[in-house]
PDB file of N, CA and C in Angstrom:
ATOM      1  N   MET A   1      64.038 -12.691  16.732  1.00  0.00           N
ATOM      2  CA  MET A   1      63.187 -13.800  16.694  1.00  0.00           C
ATOM      3  C   MET A   1      61.806 -14.145  17.064  1.00  0.00           C
ATOM      4  N   LYS A   2      61.412 -13.200  18.178  1.00  0.00           N
ATOM      5  CA  LYS A   2      59.963 -13.029  18.752  1.00  0.00           C
ATOM      6  C   LYS A   2      59.222 -12.745  17.516  1.00  0.00           C
ATOM      7  N   LEU A   3      59.480 -11.708  17.196  1.00  0.00           N
ATOM      8  CA  LEU A   3      58.720 -10.910  15.913  1.00  0.00           C
ATOM      9  C   LEU A   3      58.158 -11.846  14.625  1.00  0.00           C
ATOM     10  N   ALA A   4      59.324 -13.052  14.402  1.00  0.00           N
ATOM     11  CA  ALA A   4      59.139 -13.670  13.372  1.00  0.00           C
ATOM     12  C   ALA A   4      58.261 -14.832  13.811  1.00  0.00           C
ATOM     13  N   ARG A   5      57.806 -15.161  15.009  1.00  0.00           N
ATOM     14  CA  ARG A   5      57.155 -16.211  15.032  1.00  0.00           C
ATOM     15  C   ARG A   5      55.581 -15.518  15.133  1.00  0.00           C
ATOM     16  N   CYS A   6      55.622 -13.940  15.617  1.00  0.00           N
ATOM     17  CA  CYS A   6      54.441 -13.454  15.923  1.00  0.00           C
ATOM     18  C   CYS A   6      53.495 -13.044  14.675  1.00  0.00           C
ATOM     19  N   LEU A   7      54.517 -13.072  13.818  1.00  0.00           N
ATOM     20  CA  LEU A   7      54.064 -12.400  12.185  1.00  0.00           C
ATOM     21  C   LEU A   7      52.727 -13.168  11.595  1.00  0.00           C
ATOM     22  N   PRO A   8      53.247 -14.732  11.583  1.00  0.00           N
ATOM     23  CA  PRO A   8      51.892 -15.385  10.986  1.00  0.00           C
ATOM     24  C   PRO A   8      50.675 -15.061  11.708  1.00  0.00           C
ATOM     25  N   ARG A   9      50.561 -14.966  13.190  1.00  0.00           N
ATOM     26  CA  ARG A   9      49.455 -14.767  14.067  1.00  0.00           C
ATOM     27  C   ARG A   9      49.240 -13.615  13.638  1.00  0.00           C
ATOM     28  N   LEU A  10      49.646 -12.644  13.498  1.00  0.00           N
ATOM     29  CA  LEU A  10      49.190 -11.093  13.317  1.00  0.00           C
ATOM     30  C   LEU A  10      48.731 -10.746  12.242  1.00  0.00           C
ATOM     31  N   ARG A  11      49.281 -11.317  10.985  1.00  0.00           N
ATOM     32  CA  ARG A  11      48.519 -11.767   9.857  1.00  0.00           C
ATOM     33  C   ARG A  11      47.133 -12.228   9.845  1.00  0.00           C
ATOM     34  N   THR A  12      46.991 -13.362  10.385  1.00  0.00           N
ATOM     35  CA  THR A  12      45.782 -14.073  10.606  1.00  0.00           C
ATOM     36  C   THR A  12      44.624 -12.994  11.189  1.00  0.00           C
ATOM     37  N   LEU A  13      45.028 -12.237  12.417  1.00  0.00           N
ATOM     38  CA  LEU A  13      44.326 -11.530  12.982  1.00  0.00           C
ATOM     39  C   LEU A  13      43.904 -10.345  12.140  1.00  0.00           C
ATOM     40  N   LEU A  14      44.803  -9.763  11.088  1.00  0.00           N
ATOM     41  CA  LEU A  14      44.204  -8.604  10.205  1.00  0.00           C
ATOM     42  C   LEU A  14      43.480  -8.929   9.050  1.00  0.00           C
ATOM     43  N   LEU A  15      43.814 -10.472   8.856  1.00  0.00           N
ATOM     44  CA  LEU A  15      43.035 -10.765   7.377  1.00  0.00           C
ATOM     45  C   LEU A  15      41.457 -11.046   7.737  1.00  0.00           C
ATOM     46  N   ILE A  16      41.244 -11.469   8.987  1.00  0.00           N
ATOM     47  CA  ILE A  16      39.807 -11.982   9.240  1.00  0.00           C
ATOM     48  C   ILE A  16      39.072 -10.844   9.122  1.00  0.00           C
ATOM     49  N   PRO A  17      39.262  -9.665   9.645  1.00  0.00           N
ATOM     50  CA  PRO A  17      38.379  -8.444   9.550  1.00  0.00           C
ATOM     51  C   PRO A  17      38.076  -7.978   8.198  1.00  0.00           C
ATOM     52  N   LEU A  18      39.348  -8.098   7.448  1.00  0.00           N
ATOM     53  CA  LEU A  18      39.362  -7.624   5.902  1.00  0.00           C
ATOM     54  C   LEU A  18      38.418  -8.668   5.237  1.00  0.00           C
ATOM     55  N   ALA A  19      38.612  -9.891   5.556  1.00  0.00           N
ATOM     56  CA  ALA A  19      37.814 -10.824   4.506  1.00  0.00           C
ATOM     57  C   ALA A  19      36.186 -10.738   4.996  1.00  0.00           C
ATOM     58  N   PHE A  20      35.807 -10.569   6.294  1.00  0.00           N
ATOM     59  CA  PHE A  20      34.371 -10.357   6.819  1.00  0.00           C
ATOM     60  C   PHE A  20      33.893  -9.224   6.382  1.00  0.00           C
ATOM     61  N   THR A  21      34.666  -7.927   6.008  1.00  0.00           N
ATOM     62  CA  THR A  21      34.271  -6.700   5.276  1.00  0.00           C
ATOM     63  C   THR A  21      34.038  -6.779   4.076  1.00  0.00           C
ATOM     64  N   ALA A  22      35.086  -7.802   3.124  1.00  0.00           N
ATOM     65  CA  ALA A  22      34.668  -7.760   1.988  1.00  0.00           C
ATOM     66  C   ALA A  22      33.340  -9.044   1.708  1.00  0.00           C
ATOM     67  N   LEU A  23      33.225  -9.713   2.630  1.00  0.00           N
ATOM     68  CA  LEU A  23      31.908 -10.480   2.208  1.00  0.00           C
ATOM     69  C   LEU A  23      30.587  -9.558   2.579  1.00  0.00           C
ATOM     70  N   ILE A  24      30.976  -8.791   3.647  1.00  0.00           N
ATOM     71  CA  ILE A  24      29.550  -8.042   3.841  1.00  0.00           C
ATOM     72  C   ILE A  24      29.463  -7.018   3.020  1.00  0.00           C
ATOM     73  N   GLY A  25      30.529  -6.267   1.943  1.00  0.00           N
ATOM     74  CA  GLY A  25      30.224  -5.310   1.434  1.00  0.00           C
ATOM     75  C   GLY A  25      29.913  -5.836  -0.232  1.00  0.00           C
ATOM     76  N   SER A  26      30.067  -7.541  -0.129  1.00  0.00           N
ATOM     77  CA  SER A  26      29.653  -7.783  -1.753  1.00  0.00           C
ATOM     78  C   SER A  26      28.371  -7.642  -2.210  1.00  0.00           C
ATOM     79  N   PRO A  27      27.910  -7.381  -3.422  1.00  0.00           N
ATOM     80  CA  PRO A  27      26.421  -7.293  -3.719  1.00  0.00           C
ATOM     81  C   PRO A  27      25.720  -8.811  -3.598  1.00  0.00           C
ATOM     82  N   VAL A  28      24.627  -8.709  -3.431  1.00  0.00           N
ATOM     83  CA  VAL A  28      23.964  -9.690  -3.327  1.00  0.00           C
ATOM     84  C   VAL A  28      22.680  -9.620  -4.352  1.00  0.00           C
ATOM     85  N   PHE A  29      22.772 -10.456  -5.368  1.00  0.00           N
ATOM     86  CA  PHE A  29      21.828 -10.566  -6.652  1.00  0.00           C
ATOM     87  C   PHE A  29      20.682 -11.321  -6.346  1.00  0.00           C
ATOM     88  N   ALA A  30      19.549 -11.046  -6.554  1.00  0.00           N
ATOM     89  CA  ALA A  30      18.539 -11.764  -6.556  1.00  0.00           C
ATOM     90  C   ALA A  30      18.218 -12.664  -7.768  1.00  0.00           C
ATOM     91  N   GLN A  31      17.621 -13.744  -7.164  1.00  0.00           N
ATOM     92  CA  GLN A  31      17.650 -14.825  -7.962  1.00  0.00           C
ATOM     93  C   GLN A  31      16.485 -14.316  -8.978  1.00  0.00           C
ATOM     94  N   THR A  32      16.448 -15.032 -10.092  1.00  0.00           N
ATOM     95  CA  THR A  32      15.251 -15.032 -10.791  1.00  0.00           C
ATOM     96  C   THR A  32      14.241 -15.841 -10.487  1.00  0.00           C
ATOM     97  N   VAL A  33      12.980 -15.356 -10.284  1.00  0.00           N
ATOM     98  CA  VAL A  33      11.830 -16.327 -10.099  1.00  0.00           C
ATOM     99  C   VAL A  33      10.612 -16.331 -10.912  1.00  0.00           C
ATOM    100  N   ILE A  34      10.393 -17.574 -11.401  1.00  0.00           N
ATOM    101  CA  ILE A  34       9.751 -17.870 -12.490  1.00  0.00           C
ATOM    102  C   ILE A  34       8.464 -19.005 -11.992  1.00  0.00           C
ATOM    103  N   ILE A  35       7.282 -18.323 -12.136  1.00  0.00           N
ATOM    104  CA  ILE A  35       6.388 -18.881 -11.851  1.00  0.00           C
ATOM    105  C   ILE A  35       5.191 -19.123 -12.652  1.00  0.00           C
ATOM    106  N   GLN A  36       4.386 -20.328 -12.781  1.00  0.00           N
ATOM    107  CA  GLN A  36       3.212 -20.574 -13.981  1.00  0.00           C
ATOM    108  C   GLN A  36       2.006 -20.106 -13.188  1.00  0.00           C
ATOM    109  N   GLN A  37       1.970 -19.611 -12.184  1.00  0.00           N
ATOM    110  CA  GLN A  37       0.333 -19.221 -11.351  1.00  0.00           C
ATOM    111  C   GLN A  37       0.527 -17.665 -11.119  1.00  0.00           C
ATOM    112  N   ALA A  38      -0.438 -17.301 -11.770  1.00  0.00           N
ATOM    113  CA  ALA A  38      -0.456 -15.769 -11.516  1.00  0.00           C
ATOM    114  C   ALA A  38      -0.891 -15.215 -10.454  1.00  0.00           C
ATOM    115  N   PRO A  39      -0.307 -14.019  -9.984  1.00  0.00           N
ATOM    116  CA  PRO A  39      -0.287 -13.394  -8.352  1.00  0.00           C
ATOM    117  C   PRO A  39      -1.660 -13.227  -8.298  1.00  0.00           C
ATOM    118  N   PRO A  40      -2.346 -13.247  -6.806  1.00  0.00           N
ATOM    119  CA  PRO A  40      -3.424 -12.545  -6.476  1.00  0.00           C
ATOM    120  C   PRO A  40      -3.496 -11.347  -6.840  1.00  0.00           C
ATOM    121  N   PRO A  41      -4.663 -10.638  -7.063  1.00  0.00           N
ATOM    122  CA  PRO A  41      -4.759  -9.262  -7.390  1.00  0.00           C
ATOM    123  C   PRO A  41      -3.881  -8.254  -6.081  1.00  0.00           C
ATOM    124  N   MET A  42      -3.568  -7.027  -6.282  1.00  0.00           N
ATOM    125  CA  MET A  42      -3.163  -6.468  -5.355  1.00  0.00           C
ATOM    126  C   MET A  42      -3.842  -5.985  -4.216  1.00  0.00           C
ATOM    127  N   ARG A  43      -3.022  -5.983  -2.766  1.00  0.00           N
ATOM    128  CA  ARG A  43      -3.963  -5.653  -1.885  1.00  0.00           C
ATOM    129  C   ARG A  43      -3.848  -3.912  -1.602  1.00  0.00           C
ATOM    130  N   TYR A  44      -5.002  -3.257  -1.347  1.00  0.00           N
ATOM    131  CA  TYR A  44      -4.754  -1.940  -1.038  1.00  0.00           C
ATOM    132  C   TYR A  44      -4.060  -1.732   0.177  1.00  0.00           C
ATOM    133  N   GLU A  45      -3.447  -0.708   0.007  1.00  0.00           N
ATOM    134  CA  GLU A  45      -2.353  -0.643   1.562  1.00  0.00           C
ATOM    135  C   GLU A  45      -2.070   0.887   1.091  1.00  0.00           C
ATOM    136  N   ALA A  46      -2.789   1.643   2.251  1.00  0.00           N
ATOM    137  CA  ALA A  46      -2.776   3.138   2.434  1.00  0.00           C
ATOM    138  C   ALA A  46      -1.013   3.491   2.717  1.00  0.00           C
ATOM    139  N   ALA A  47      -0.434   4.160   1.831  1.00  0.00           N
ATOM    140  CA  ALA A  47       0.779   4.777   1.741  1.00  0.00           C
ATOM    141  C   ALA A  47       0.971   5.708   2.869  1.00  0.00           C
ATOM    142  N   PRO A  48       1.998   5.790   4.009  1.00  0.00           N
ATOM    143  CA  PRO A  48       1.976   6.851   4.828  1.00  0.00           C
ATOM    144  C   PRO A  48       2.727   7.758   4.625  1.00  0.00           C
ATOM    145  N   MET A  49       2.249   8.929   5.449  1.00  0.00           N
ATOM    146  CA  MET A  49       2.867  10.180   4.849  1.00  0.00           C
ATOM    147  C   MET A  49       4.338   9.993   4.496  1.00  0.00           C
ATOM    148  N   ALA A  50       4.589  11.266   3.675  1.00  0.00           N
ATOM    149  CA  ALA A  50       5.951  11.278   3.200  1.00  0.00           C
ATOM    150  C   ALA A  50       7.000  11.093   4.249  1.00  0.00           C
ATOM    151  N   ARG A  51       8.121  10.605   4.345  1.00  0.00           N
ATOM    152  CA  ARG A  51       9.188  10.396   5.247  1.00  0.00           C
ATOM    153  C   ARG A  51      10.653  10.917   4.265  1.00  0.00           C
ATOM    154  N   PRO A  52      11.023  12.454   4.783  1.00  0.00           N
ATOM    155  CA  PRO A  52      12.171  12.800   4.202  1.00  0.00           C
ATOM    156  C   PRO A  52      13.356  11.925   4.197  1.00  0.00           C
ATOM    157  N   GLY A  53      13.837  11.761   2.994  1.00  0.00           N
ATOM    158  CA  GLY A  53      15.467  10.539   2.824  1.00  0.00           C
ATOM    159  C   GLY A  53      14.746   9.094   2.495  1.00  0.00           C
ATOM    160  N   TYR A  54      13.546   9.211   2.381  1.00  0.00           N
ATOM    161  CA  TYR A  54      12.985   7.892   2.130  1.00  0.00           C
ATOM    162  C   TYR A  54      12.105   7.639   0.912  1.00  0.00           C
ATOM    163  N   ALA A  55      12.066   6.713   0.472  1.00  0.00           N
ATOM    164  CA  ALA A  55      10.780   6.632  -0.709  1.00  0.00           C
ATOM    165  C   ALA A  55      10.015   5.404  -0.155  1.00  0.00           C
ATOM    166  N   TRP A  56       8.895   5.039  -0.265  1.00  0.00           N
ATOM    167  CA  TRP A  56       7.540   4.406   0.318  1.00  0.00           C
ATOM    168  C   TRP A  56       7.866   3.010  -0.875  1.00  0.00           C
ATOM    169  N   ASP A  57       8.214   1.870  -0.750  1.00  0.00           N
ATOM    170  CA  ASP A  57       8.285   0.603  -1.254  1.00  0.00           C
ATOM    171  C   ASP A  57       6.548  -0.036  -0.989  1.00  0.00           C
ATOM    172  N   ARG A  58       5.736   0.030  -2.109  1.00  0.00           N
ATOM    173  CA  ARG A  58       4.229  -0.509  -1.781  1.00  0.00           C
ATOM    174  C   ARG A  58       4.920  -2.157  -1.768  1.00  0.00           C
ATOM    175  N   GLY A  59       3.521  -2.704  -0.561  1.00  0.00           N
ATOM    176  CA  GLY A  59       3.722  -4.312  -0.581  1.00  0.00           C
ATOM    177  C   GLY A  59       3.494  -4.919  -1.763  1.00  0.00           C
ATOM    178  N   HIS A  60       3.620  -6.264  -1.606  1.00  0.00           N
ATOM    179  CA  HIS A  60       3.589  -7.091  -2.994  1.00  0.00           C
ATOM    180  C   HIS A  60       3.165  -8.352  -2.725  1.00  0.00           C
ATOM    181  N   TRP A  61       3.053  -9.177  -3.445  1.00  0.00           N
ATOM    182  CA  TRP A  61       2.907 -10.654  -3.431  1.00  0.00           C
ATOM    183  C   TRP A  61       4.449 -11.403  -3.623  1.00  0.00           C
ATOM    184  N   ARG A  62       4.890 -12.186  -2.776  1.00  0.00           N
ATOM    185  CA  ARG A  62       6.075 -12.831  -2.890  1.00  0.00           C
ATOM    186  C   ARG A  62       5.880 -14.354  -3.026  1.00  0.00           C
ATOM    187  N   TRP A  63       6.358 -14.986  -4.113  1.00  0.00           N
ATOM    188  CA  TRP A  63       6.303 -16.317  -4.004  1.00  0.00           C
ATOM    189  C   TRP A  63       7.365 -17.164  -2.977  1.00  0.00           C
ATOM    190  N   HIS A  64       6.585 -18.075  -2.218  1.00  0.00           N
ATOM    191  CA  HIS A  64       7.119 -18.866  -0.969  1.00  0.00           C
ATOM    192  C   HIS A  64       6.942 -20.110  -1.260  1.00  0.00           C
ATOM    193  N   GLY A  65       7.540 -20.630  -2.030  1.00  0.00           N
ATOM    194  CA  GLY A  65       7.687 -22.419  -2.195  1.00  0.00           C
ATOM    195  C   GLY A  65       6.596 -23.004  -2.804  1.00  0.00           C
ATOM    196  N   ARG A  66       5.106 -22.701  -2.290  1.00  0.00           N
ATOM    197  CA  ARG A  66       3.844 -23.782  -2.925  1.00  0.00           C
ATOM    198  C   ARG A  66       2.919 -22.491  -3.420  1.00  0.00           C
ATOM    199  N   GLY A  67       2.914 -21.230  -2.665  1.00  0.00           N
ATOM    200  CA  GLY A  67       1.861 -20.358  -3.055  1.00  0.00           C
ATOM    201  C   GLY A  67       2.626 -18.708  -2.624  1.00  0.00           C
ATOM    202  N   TYR A  68       1.919 -18.091  -2.883  1.00  0.00           N
ATOM    203  CA  TYR A  68       2.082 -16.519  -2.712  1.00  0.00           C
ATOM    204  C   TYR A  68       1.877 -15.859  -1.436  1.00  0.00           C
ATOM    205  N   VAL A  69       2.966 -15.222  -0.666  1.00  0.00           N
ATOM    206  CA  VAL A  69       2.542 -14.650   0.549  1.00  0.00           C
ATOM    207  C   VAL A  69       2.575 -12.989   0.336  1.00  0.00           C
ATOM    208  N   TRP A  70       2.113 -12.060   1.089  1.00  0.00           N
ATOM    209  CA  TRP A  70       1.687 -10.883   1.004  1.00  0.00           C
ATOM    210  C   TRP A  70       2.869 -10.351   2.024  1.00  0.00           C
ATOM    211  N   VAL A  71       3.741  -9.100   1.173  1.00  0.00           N
ATOM    212  CA  VAL A  71       4.675  -8.662   2.047  1.00  0.00           C
ATOM    213  C   VAL A  71       4.604  -7.264   2.090  1.00  0.00           C
ATOM    214  N   PRO A  72       4.561  -6.509   3.209  1.00  0.00           N
ATOM    215  CA  PRO A  72       3.871  -5.383   3.217  1.00  0.00           C
ATOM    216  C   PRO A  72       5.059  -4.344   3.114  1.00  0.00           C
ATOM    217  N   GLY A  73       4.495  -3.085   2.722  1.00  0.00           N
ATOM    218  CA  GLY A  73       5.211  -1.976   1.885  1.00  0.00           C
ATOM    219  C   GLY A  73       6.487  -1.887   3.249  1.00  0.00           C
ATOM    220  N   HIS A  74       7.444  -1.169   2.771  1.00  0.00           N
ATOM    221  CA  HIS A  74       8.443  -0.372   3.756  1.00  0.00           C
ATOM    222  C   HIS A  74       9.138   0.700   3.191  1.00  0.00           C
ATOM    223  N   TRP A  75       9.712   1.393   3.815  1.00  0.00           N
ATOM    224  CA  TRP A  75      10.809   2.654   3.442  1.00  0.00           C
ATOM    225  C   TRP A  75      11.978   1.983   3.214  1.00  0.00           C
ATOM    226  N   GLN A  76      12.219   2.583   1.654  1.00  0.00           N
ATOM    227  CA  GLN A  76      13.666   2.328   1.087  1.00  0.00           C
ATOM    228  C   GLN A  76      14.470   4.000   1.343  1.00  0.00           C
ATOM    229  N   PRO A  77      15.568   3.692   1.975  1.00  0.00           N
ATOM    230  CA  PRO A  77      16.675   5.240   1.712  1.00  0.00           C
ATOM    231  C   PRO A  77      16.623   5.430   0.447  1.00  0.00           C
ATOM    232  N   VAL A  78      16.474   6.823   0.147  1.00  0.00           N
ATOM    233  CA  VAL A  78      16.754   7.407  -1.162  1.00  0.00           C
ATOM    234  C   VAL A  78      17.739   7.008  -1.778  1.00  0.00           C
ATOM    235  N   MET A  79      18.242   6.952  -2.992  1.00  0.00           N
ATOM    236  CA  MET A  79      19.175   7.429  -3.711  1.00  0.00           C
ATOM    237  C   MET A  79      19.479   8.570  -4.376  1.00  0.00           C
ATOM    238  N   ARG A  80      20.159   9.509  -4.076  1.00  0.00           N
ATOM    239  CA  ARG A  80      20.490  10.616  -4.907  1.00  0.00           C
ATOM    240  C   ARG A  80      20.101  10.763  -6.470  1.00  0.00           C
ATOM    241  N   ARG A  81      19.678  11.438  -7.049  1.00  0.00           N
ATOM    242  CA  ARG A  81      18.928  11.423  -8.027  1.00  0.00           C
ATOM    243  C   ARG A  81      18.530  10.264  -8.890  1.00  0.00           C
ATOM    244  N   GLY A  82      17.783   9.460  -8.170  1.00  0.00           N
ATOM    245  CA  GLY A  82      16.895   8.364  -8.206  1.00  0.00           C
ATOM    246  C   GLY A  82      15.316   8.256  -8.109  1.00  0.00           C
ATOM    247  N   GLN A  83      14.845   7.439  -9.074  1.00  0.00           N
ATOM    248  CA  GLN A  83      13.569   7.417  -8.853  1.00  0.00           C
ATOM    249  C   GLN A  83      13.513   5.910  -8.572  1.00  0.00           C
ATOM    250  N   TRP A  84      12.532   5.469  -7.695  1.00  0.00           N
ATOM    251  CA  TRP A  84      12.248   4.280  -6.902  1.00  0.00           C
ATOM    252  C   TRP A  84      11.386   3.132  -8.111  1.00  0.00           C
ATOM    253  N   VAL A  85      11.619   2.544  -8.432  1.00  0.00           N
ATOM    254  CA  VAL A  85      10.687   1.165  -9.250  1.00  0.00           C
ATOM    255  C   VAL A  85      10.520  -0.040  -8.507  1.00  0.00           C
ATOM    256  N   PRO A  86       9.347   0.110  -7.904  1.00  0.00           N
ATOM    257  CA  PRO A  86       8.918  -1.084  -7.272  1.00  0.00           C
ATOM    258  C   PRO A  86       8.853  -2.244  -7.825  1.00  0.00           C
ATOM    259  N   GLY A  87       9.226  -3.201  -7.186  1.00  0.00           N
ATOM    260  CA  GLY A  87       9.231  -4.769  -7.545  1.00  0.00           C
ATOM    261  C   GLY A  87       7.875  -5.340  -8.086  1.00  0.00           C
ATOM    262  N   HIS A  88       7.997  -6.001  -9.008  1.00  0.00           N
ATOM    263  CA  HIS A  88       6.511  -6.335  -9.524  1.00  0.00           C
ATOM    264  C   HIS A  88       6.510  -7.794 -10.550  1.00  0.00           C
ATOM    265  N   TRP A  89       5.037  -8.598 -10.632  1.00  0.00           N
ATOM    266  CA  TRP A  89       5.107  -9.448 -11.596  1.00  0.00           C
ATOM    267  C   TRP A  89       5.104  -9.108 -12.865  1.00  0.00           C
ATOM    268  N   GLN A  90       5.782  -9.682 -13.953  1.00  0.00           N
ATOM    269  CA  GLN A  90       5.509  -9.529 -15.392  1.00  0.00           C
ATOM    270  C   GLN A  90       5.135 -10.880 -16.145  1.00  0.00           C
ATOM    271  N   ALA A  91       4.048 -10.923 -16.749  1.00  0.00           N
ATOM    272  CA  ALA A  91       3.680 -12.179 -17.450  1.00  0.00           C
ATOM    273  C   ALA A  91       4.404 -12.281 -18.813  1.00  0.00           C
ATOM    274  N   ARG A  92       5.227 -13.303 -18.883  1.00  0.00           N
ATOM    275  CA  ARG A  92       5.537 -13.637 -20.222  1.00  0.00           C
ATOM    276  C   ARG A  92       5.049 -14.710 -20.900  1.00  0.00           C
ATOM    277  N   GLY A  93       4.101 -14.768 -21.963  1.00  0.00           N
ATOM    278  CA  GLY A  93       3.405 -16.211 -21.879  1.00  0.00           C
ATOM    279  C   GLY A  93       2.546 -16.783 -20.919  1.00  0.00           C
ATOM    280  N   PRO A  94       2.953 -18.150 -20.616  1.00  0.00           N
ATOM    281  CA  PRO A  94       2.193 -18.749 -19.292  1.00  0.00           C
ATOM    282  C   PRO A  94       3.223 -18.299 -18.234  1.00  0.00           C
ATOM    283  N   ASN A  95       3.960 -17.848 -18.178  1.00  0.00           N
ATOM    284  CA  ASN A  95       4.900 -17.778 -17.168  1.00  0.00           C
ATOM    285  C   ASN A  95       4.845 -16.144 -16.431  1.00  0.00           C
ATOM    286  N   TRP A  96       4.816 -16.201 -15.329  1.00  0.00           N
ATOM    287  CA  TRP A  96       5.069 -14.711 -14.312  1.00  0.00           C
ATOM    288  C   TRP A  96       6.470 -14.822 -13.724  1.00  0.00           C
ATOM    289  N   TYR A  97       7.230 -13.687 -14.185  1.00  0.00           N
ATOM    290  CA  TYR A  97       8.640 -13.327 -13.759  1.00  0.00           C
ATOM    291  C   TYR A  97       8.669 -12.164 -12.405  1.00  0.00           C
ATOM    292  N   TRP A  98       9.403 -12.446 -11.721  1.00  0.00           N
ATOM    293  CA  TRP A  98       9.373 -11.269 -10.583  1.00  0.00           C
ATOM    294  C   TRP A  98      10.450 -10.309 -10.955  1.00  0.00           C
ATOM    295  N   ILE A  99      10.149  -9.120 -11.148  1.00  0.00           N
ATOM    296  CA  ILE A  99      11.492  -7.847 -11.184  1.00  0.00           C
ATOM    297  C   ILE A  99      11.581  -7.577  -9.859  1.00  0.00           C
ATOM    298  N   GLU A 100      12.754  -7.626  -9.600  1.00  0.00           N
ATOM    299  CA  GLU A 100      12.887  -7.180  -8.374  1.00  0.00           C
ATOM    300  C   GLU A 100      12.920  -5.152  -8.253  1.00  0.00           C
ATOM    301  N   GLY A 101      12.514  -4.850  -7.242  1.00  0.00           N
ATOM    302  CA  GLY A 101      12.657  -3.189  -7.269  1.00  0.00           C
ATOM    303  C   GLY A 101      13.715  -2.560  -7.455  1.00  0.00           C
ATOM    304  N   HIS A 102      13.933  -1.614  -8.221  1.00  0.00           N
ATOM    305  CA  HIS A 102      15.267  -0.863  -8.109  1.00  0.00           C
ATOM    306  C   HIS A 102      15.351   0.473  -8.428  1.00  0.00           C
ATOM    307  N   TRP A 103      16.460   1.108  -8.315  1.00  0.00           N
ATOM    308  CA  TRP A 103      16.475   2.686  -8.559  1.00  0.00           C
ATOM    309  C   TRP A 103      16.980   2.812  -9.680  1.00  0.00           C
ATOM    310  N   LEU A 104      16.239   3.914 -10.435  1.00  0.00           N
ATOM    311  CA  LEU A 104      16.505   4.259 -11.929  1.00  0.00           C
ATOM    312  C   LEU A 104      17.444   5.981 -11.603  1.00  0.00           C
ATOM    313  N   ARG A 105      18.306   5.820 -12.354  1.00  0.00           N
ATOM    314  CA  ARG A 105      18.969   7.129 -12.370  1.00  0.00           C
ATOM    315  C   ARG A 105      18.480   8.085 -13.873  1.00  0.00           C
TER     316      ARG A 105
END
């Protein structure tokens, strides 16, 4: 009889970590950014020396509400047999679209 009363609580205790793990493991999809103002010219940023197991993702301009802000470069963990394509702005007519950085296989 005690087991029957503890079972719902035990189920809840087991489901919480599983739900949290599923939430953390879910892919996050970048939203599309469309701007009618061209980004400023790229800033020169010296790439650091090569780092085994990582690819350098150069800095870029990111739209932040009412204007562009500079995001400095950072290291991306290497994906096996992949090539890093940095994020970039692409003009299409009067609009500018942000293409998120990604790995090509």
